[in-house]
Amino acid sequence: MLNSINKDPLSLATNLLAAATLLMCVVTVAAQHPTQPADTTNPEKLAEQQLSSREMQLRNLGSQAELAKNPKRLEEIKAGIAQDFQRILILHNQLARFLLDNKPLDYDFVSDASAEIRKRASHLQRTLALAVPDEQLIKDKYPEFAEPRMRDGVAMLCRQIKSFVTNPIIDKPGTVSEPQLRQARLDLQDVIDLSGNIKKGSDKLRKSSH
């Protein structure tokens, strides 16, 4: 069911940043950079894999230590995340209003909104290291939306945004869960993929309607 999402962007930013930061330390970089199974039959390769793993962990822990020593930079990052959340929530609510009021879609607005949602979601993905591992990515998961399926695509995007921002690690302070963080990664990737396809489809529909 579609409705407006009323969330405090700064609270969402704080919760997600805290959860992502803690989990990146607890779970290490394995969730972001999965390694191949160790080759125990080749001592030289095994040593190389172990060294690479230690280097990645040290770099990750080092970046966390730098942030801990630089509260001003941490606040700047949090403010940027909050701004991304705020714009995504506003655009979600505006898109949902078209559907709830059963109004014809404004393809100019849909194109601009989906482009900004994709940009903001991609920025969140980079800032919070929420990229989905390559082996879990599904290419061409969503089709390019055209009439009469554009409304369905916009509704799907709204639901995916809601799923992301209501994930317990974002919505409930203090919640730390590796499975929920994994789901947040997948939801955010879906937002990026969907908004990109909706942008392409709405651009074509906008040209054909003018």
Protein backbone atom coordinates (compact mmCIF):
# COMPACT_ATOMS: atom_id res chain seq x y z
CA MET A 1 0.00 0.00 0.00
CA LEU A 2 1.34 3.41 -0.99
CA ASN A 3 1.39 6.36 1.37
CA SER A 4 3.65 9.21 2.34
CA ILE A 5 6.77 8.41 4.33
CA ASN A 6 7.21 10.74 7.26
CA LYS A 7 10.69 10.25 8.67
CA ASP A 8 13.31 12.53 10.16
CA PRO A 9 16.16 12.50 7.59
CA LEU A 10 18.82 13.32 10.22
CA SER A 11 17.61 10.47 12.43
CA LEU A 12 17.69 8.07 9.48
CA ALA A 13 21.19 9.25 8.59
CA THR A 14 22.42 8.83 12.15
CA ASN A 15 20.97 5.34 12.50
CA LEU A 16 22.26 4.06 9.16
CA LEU A 17 25.69 5.59 9.61
CA ALA A 18 25.99 4.05 13.09
CA ALA A 19 24.82 0.63 11.93
CA ALA A 20 26.97 0.60 8.82
CA THR A 21 30.05 1.83 10.70
CA LEU A 22 29.71 -0.77 13.46
CA LEU A 23 28.94 -3.62 11.11
CA MET A 24 31.84 -2.77 8.84
CA CYS A 25 34.07 -3.33 11.86
CA VAL A 26 32.28 -6.38 13.26
CA VAL A 27 31.66 -8.22 10.02
CA THR A 28 34.87 -6.79 8.39
CA VAL A 29 35.03 -6.14 4.70
CA ALA A 30 33.94 -9.67 3.80
CA ALA A 31 30.37 -8.51 3.27
CA GLN A 32 31.55 -5.84 0.84
CA HIS A 33 34.52 -7.58 -0.80
CA PRO A 34 33.87 -11.32 -0.62
CA THR A 35 37.04 -13.32 -1.04
CA GLN A 36 37.51 -16.54 -2.92
CA PRO A 37 37.81 -19.74 -0.84
CA ALA A 38 41.37 -20.19 0.31
CA ASP A 39 43.43 -22.44 -1.91
CA THR A 40 45.00 -24.74 0.71
CA THR A 41 46.77 -26.77 -1.98
CA ASN A 42 49.01 -23.85 -2.92
CA PRO A 43 50.98 -22.47 0.08
CA GLU A 44 52.15 -19.37 -1.81
CA LYS A 45 48.64 -18.51 -3.00
CA LEU A 46 47.21 -19.14 0.47
CA ALA A 47 49.75 -16.76 2.03
CA GLU A 48 48.92 -14.14 -0.62
CA GLN A 49 45.17 -14.46 0.06
CA GLN A 50 45.67 -14.15 3.82
CA LEU A 51 47.89 -11.07 3.39
CA SER A 52 45.33 -9.45 1.08
CA SER A 53 42.56 -10.13 3.60
CA ARG A 54 44.57 -8.59 6.46
CA GLU A 55 45.38 -5.52 4.37
CA MET A 56 41.71 -4.95 3.55
CA GLN A 57 40.74 -5.28 7.20
CA LEU A 58 43.48 -2.89 8.32
CA ARG A 59 42.46 -0.30 5.71
CA ASN A 60 38.84 -0.58 6.82
CA LEU A 61 39.65 -0.25 10.51
CA GLY A 62 42.00 2.61 9.70
CA SER A 63 39.27 4.57 7.95
CA GLN A 64 36.99 4.11 10.96
CA ALA A 65 39.75 5.33 13.29
CA GLU A 66 40.29 8.44 11.14
CA LEU A 67 36.58 9.28 11.31
CA ALA A 68 36.58 8.79 15.08
CA LYS A 69 39.41 11.34 15.35
CA ASN A 70 37.65 13.84 13.09
CA PRO A 71 34.17 14.57 14.46
CA LYS A 72 33.77 17.55 12.11
CA ARG A 73 34.23 15.30 9.08
CA LEU A 74 31.82 12.78 10.60
CA GLU A 75 29.20 15.52 10.99
CA GLU A 76 29.74 16.61 7.38
CA ILE A 77 29.19 13.03 6.20
CA LYS A 78 26.08 12.71 8.37
CA ALA A 79 24.70 16.00 7.00
CA GLY A 80 25.27 14.81 3.43
CA ILE A 81 23.50 11.52 4.14
CA ALA A 82 20.61 13.38 5.78
CA GLN A 83 20.27 15.60 2.71
CA ASP A 84 20.18 12.53 0.46
CA PHE A 85 17.49 10.96 2.62
CA GLN A 86 15.47 14.17 2.72
CA ARG A 87 15.37 14.53 -1.05
CA ILE A 88 14.59 10.86 -1.61
CA LEU A 89 11.70 11.04 0.89
CA ILE A 90 10.31 14.24 -0.64
CA LEU A 91 10.46 12.82 -4.17
CA HIS A 92 8.94 9.53 -3.00
CA ASN A 93 6.00 11.38 -1.49
CA GLN A 94 5.49 13.49 -4.61
CA LEU A 95 5.55 10.43 -6.87
CA ALA A 96 3.22 8.53 -4.54
CA ARG A 97 0.78 11.47 -4.61
CA PHE A 98 0.36 11.09 -8.39
CA LEU A 99 -0.64 7.46 -7.84
CA LEU A 100 -2.83 8.02 -4.78
CA ASP A 101 -4.74 10.85 -6.47
CA ASN A 102 -4.98 8.80 -9.67
CA LYS A 103 -3.54 11.69 -11.66
CA PRO A 104 -1.88 11.30 -15.07
CA LEU A 105 1.87 11.08 -14.68
CA ASP A 106 3.86 14.19 -15.50
CA TYR A 107 6.74 12.64 -17.45
CA ASP A 108 8.90 15.74 -17.09
CA PHE A 109 8.63 15.44 -13.33
CA VAL A 110 9.00 11.63 -13.33
CA SER A 111 12.17 11.94 -15.40
CA ASP A 112 13.71 14.60 -13.16
CA ALA A 113 12.61 12.88 -9.95
CA SER A 114 13.88 9.44 -10.93
CA ALA A 115 17.21 10.94 -12.04
CA GLU A 116 17.69 12.66 -8.69
CA ILE A 117 16.61 9.59 -6.74
CA ARG A 118 19.18 7.53 -8.61
CA LYS A 119 21.88 10.14 -7.98
CA ARG A 120 21.07 10.40 -4.26
CA ALA A 121 20.78 6.63 -3.80
CA SER A 122 24.09 6.08 -5.60
CA HIS A 123 25.72 8.65 -3.31
CA LEU A 124 24.36 6.85 -0.25
CA GLN A 125 25.64 3.57 -1.63
CA ARG A 126 29.17 4.96 -2.04
CA THR A 127 29.25 6.92 1.21
CA LEU A 128 28.03 4.02 3.36
CA ALA A 129 29.80 1.23 1.44
CA LEU A 130 26.45 -0.44 0.72
CA ALA A 131 27.36 -1.82 -2.70
CA VAL A 132 26.00 -5.26 -3.49
CA PRO A 133 28.73 -7.86 -4.17
CA ASP A 134 29.19 -8.53 -7.88
CA GLU A 135 28.01 -12.14 -7.63
CA GLN A 136 24.69 -10.99 -6.14
CA LEU A 137 23.98 -8.39 -8.81
CA ILE A 138 21.21 -9.26 -11.26
CA LYS A 139 21.63 -7.54 -14.61
CA ASP A 140 18.51 -6.36 -16.39
CA LYS A 141 16.40 -7.24 -13.35
CA TYR A 142 13.90 -4.57 -14.27
CA PRO A 143 12.63 -3.78 -17.77
CA GLU A 144 12.55 -0.33 -19.30
CA PHE A 145 9.10 0.93 -18.43
CA ALA A 146 6.74 2.19 -21.12
CA GLU A 147 3.01 2.81 -21.23
CA PRO A 148 0.91 1.31 -19.79
CA ARG A 149 3.44 -0.05 -17.28
CA MET A 150 5.00 3.23 -16.22
CA ARG A 151 2.59 3.67 -13.32
CA ASP A 152 3.46 0.16 -12.14
CA GLY A 153 7.15 1.06 -12.33
CA VAL A 154 6.67 4.23 -10.28
CA ALA A 155 4.65 2.28 -7.70
CA MET A 156 7.40 -0.35 -7.54
CA LEU A 157 10.03 2.36 -6.99
CA CYS A 158 7.97 3.90 -4.18
CA ARG A 159 7.62 0.52 -2.46
CA GLN A 160 11.35 -0.15 -2.79
CA ILE A 161 12.24 3.22 -1.28
CA LYS A 162 9.88 2.52 1.60
CA SER A 163 11.43 -0.90 2.15
CA PHE A 164 14.86 0.70 2.34
CA VAL A 165 14.05 3.56 4.74
CA THR A 166 11.94 1.35 7.04
CA ASN A 167 14.64 -1.31 7.36
CA PRO A 168 15.13 -1.82 11.13
CA ILE A 169 18.81 -0.82 11.05
CA ILE A 170 17.69 2.59 9.75
CA ASP A 171 14.31 2.97 11.39
CA LYS A 172 15.13 1.73 14.91
CA PRO A 173 18.09 3.25 16.76
CA GLY A 174 20.61 0.73 18.04
CA THR A 175 19.55 -2.09 15.73
CA VAL A 176 22.57 -3.93 14.34
CA SER A 177 21.96 -6.96 12.17
CA GLU A 178 24.07 -8.34 9.35
CA PRO A 179 21.03 -9.86 7.50
CA GLN A 180 19.18 -6.54 7.72
CA LEU A 181 22.24 -4.68 6.48
CA ARG A 182 22.42 -7.14 3.58
CA GLN A 183 18.75 -6.42 2.83
CA ALA A 184 19.42 -2.68 2.96
CA ARG A 185 22.13 -3.16 0.33
CA LEU A 186 19.77 -5.09 -1.94
CA ASP A 187 16.93 -2.58 -1.48
CA LEU A 188 19.21 0.37 -2.25
CA GLN A 189 20.51 -1.34 -5.38
CA ASP A 190 16.92 -1.95 -6.48
CA VAL A 191 16.16 1.75 -5.98
CA ILE A 192 19.14 2.63 -8.19
CA ASP A 193 18.21 0.13 -10.91
CA LEU A 194 14.51 0.98 -10.90
CA SER A 195 14.99 4.74 -10.96
CA GLY A 196 17.46 4.40 -13.84
CA ASN A 197 15.00 2.38 -15.92
CA ILE A 198 12.11 4.71 -15.08
CA LYS A 199 14.27 7.68 -16.14
CA LYS A 200 14.91 6.06 -19.55
CA GLY A 201 11.25 5.16 -20.05
CA SER A 202 9.90 8.54 -18.97
CA ASP A 203 12.33 10.35 -21.26
CA LYS A 204 10.97 8.42 -24.26
CA LEU A 205 7.37 9.03 -23.20
CA ARG A 206 8.08 12.69 -22.63
CA LYS A 207 9.47 13.10 -26.15
CA SER A 208 6.56 11.23 -27.73
CA SER A 209 3.96 13.33 -25.88
CA HIS A 210 5.42 16.69 -26.95
